[in-house]
Amino acid sequence: MTPISEEIAGAFVNSQNDMASHYDAGQQGFTTEDILWAVGIWSVILTLSPVIVFYMLLVA
């Protein structure tokens, strides 16, 4: 049985190879999926930041 660290390392290398082949296919710039992902992450960050600040002010 393979140690878990080797399995994780193998999965990491495989995901990096997938990313490399994804970008080596002559693809330039951002895809729609990249933009949607970034907008989603930023919307979560910007939505939660006032809540976190308010909570910190209440707790402090």
C-alpha atoms as a PDB file:
ATOM      1  CA  MET A   1       0.000   0.000   0.000  1.00  0.00           C
ATOM      2  CA  THR A   2       1.273   3.436  -0.939  1.00  0.00           C
ATOM      3  CA  PRO A   3       1.903   5.945   1.853  1.00  0.00           C
ATOM      4  CA  ILE A   4      -0.632   8.752   1.861  1.00  0.00           C
ATOM      5  CA  SER A   5       2.020  11.435   1.323  1.00  0.00           C
ATOM      6  CA  GLU A   6       3.045   9.769  -1.937  1.00  0.00           C
ATOM      7  CA  GLU A   7      -0.579   9.600  -3.055  1.00  0.00           C
ATOM      8  CA  ILE A   8      -1.023  13.297  -2.336  1.00  0.00           C
ATOM      9  CA  ALA A   9       2.221  14.129  -4.145  1.00  0.00           C
ATOM     10  CA  GLY A  10       1.102  12.028  -7.105  1.00  0.00           C
ATOM     11  CA  ALA A  11      -2.267  13.757  -7.227  1.00  0.00           C
ATOM     12  CA  PHE A  12      -0.547  17.138  -7.008  1.00  0.00           C
ATOM     13  CA  VAL A  13       1.787  16.315  -9.892  1.00  0.00           C
ATOM     14  CA  ASN A  14      -1.141  15.017 -11.945  1.00  0.00           C
ATOM     15  CA  SER A  15      -3.138  18.192 -11.344  1.00  0.00           C
ATOM     16  CA  GLN A  16      -0.111  20.301 -12.315  1.00  0.00           C
ATOM     17  CA  ASN A  17       0.313  18.295 -15.504  1.00  0.00           C
ATOM     18  CA  ASP A  18      -3.376  18.809 -16.292  1.00  0.00           C
ATOM     19  CA  MET A  19      -2.980  22.558 -15.768  1.00  0.00           C
ATOM     20  CA  ALA A  20       0.132  22.666 -17.917  1.00  0.00           C
ATOM     21  CA  SER A  21      -1.583  20.822 -20.763  1.00  0.00           C
ATOM     22  CA  HIS A  22      -4.591  23.120 -20.323  1.00  0.00           C
ATOM     23  CA  TYR A  23      -2.450  26.219 -20.848  1.00  0.00           C
ATOM     24  CA  ASP A  24      -0.106  24.691 -23.433  1.00  0.00           C
ATOM     25  CA  ALA A  25      -3.001  24.189 -25.824  1.00  0.00           C
ATOM     26  CA  GLY A  26      -2.439  27.652 -27.289  1.00  0.00           C
ATOM     27  CA  GLN A  27      -4.868  29.247 -24.860  1.00  0.00           C
ATOM     28  CA  GLN A  28      -4.222  32.871 -23.961  1.00  0.00           C
ATOM     29  CA  GLY A  29      -5.942  35.114 -21.453  1.00  0.00           C
ATOM     30  CA  PHE A  30      -8.818  34.259 -19.151  1.00  0.00           C
ATOM     31  CA  THR A  31     -11.693  31.948 -19.881  1.00  0.00           C
ATOM     32  CA  THR A  32     -15.255  32.672 -18.811  1.00  0.00           C
ATOM     33  CA  GLU A  33     -14.853  30.050 -16.100  1.00  0.00           C
ATOM     34  CA  ASP A  34     -11.781  31.845 -14.705  1.00  0.00           C
ATOM     35  CA  ILE A  35     -13.646  35.155 -14.588  1.00  0.00           C
ATOM     36  CA  LEU A  36     -16.731  33.638 -12.935  1.00  0.00           C
ATOM     37  CA  TRP A  37     -14.540  31.903 -10.354  1.00  0.00           C
ATOM     38  CA  ALA A  38     -12.733  35.155  -9.519  1.00  0.00           C
ATOM     39  CA  VAL A  39     -15.995  37.130  -9.304  1.00  0.00           C
ATOM     40  CA  GLY A  40     -17.443  34.473  -7.006  1.00  0.00           C
ATOM     41  CA  ILE A  41     -14.447  34.520  -4.674  1.00  0.00           C
ATOM     42  CA  TRP A  42     -14.357  38.318  -4.508  1.00  0.00           C
ATOM     43  CA  SER A  43     -18.097  38.561  -3.906  1.00  0.00           C
ATOM     44  CA  VAL A  44     -17.760  36.214  -0.927  1.00  0.00           C
ATOM     45  CA  ILE A  45     -14.771  38.176   0.432  1.00  0.00           C
ATOM     46  CA  LEU A  46     -16.442  41.567   0.011  1.00  0.00           C
ATOM     47  CA  THR A  47     -19.746  40.326   1.429  1.00  0.00           C
ATOM     48  CA  LEU A  48     -18.189  38.811   4.547  1.00  0.00           C
ATOM     49  CA  SER A  49     -15.593  41.466   5.331  1.00  0.00           C
ATOM     50  CA  PRO A  50     -18.056  44.001   6.874  1.00  0.00           C
ATOM     51  CA  VAL A  51     -19.598  41.186   8.915  1.00  0.00           C
ATOM     52  CA  ILE A  52     -16.166  40.146  10.224  1.00  0.00           C
ATOM     53  CA  VAL A  53     -15.193  43.760  11.009  1.00  0.00           C
ATOM     54  CA  PHE A  54     -18.485  44.342  12.858  1.00  0.00           C
ATOM     55  CA  TYR A  55     -18.010  41.124  14.822  1.00  0.00           C
ATOM     56  CA  MET A  56     -14.456  42.121  15.759  1.00  0.00           C
ATOM     57  CA  LEU A  57     -15.698  45.502  16.985  1.00  0.00           C
ATOM     58  CA  LEU A  58     -18.347  43.812  19.111  1.00  0.00           C
ATOM     59  CA  VAL A  59     -15.919  41.281  20.592  1.00  0.00           C
ATOM     60  CA  ALA A  60     -13.068  43.727  21.239  1.00  0.00           C
END
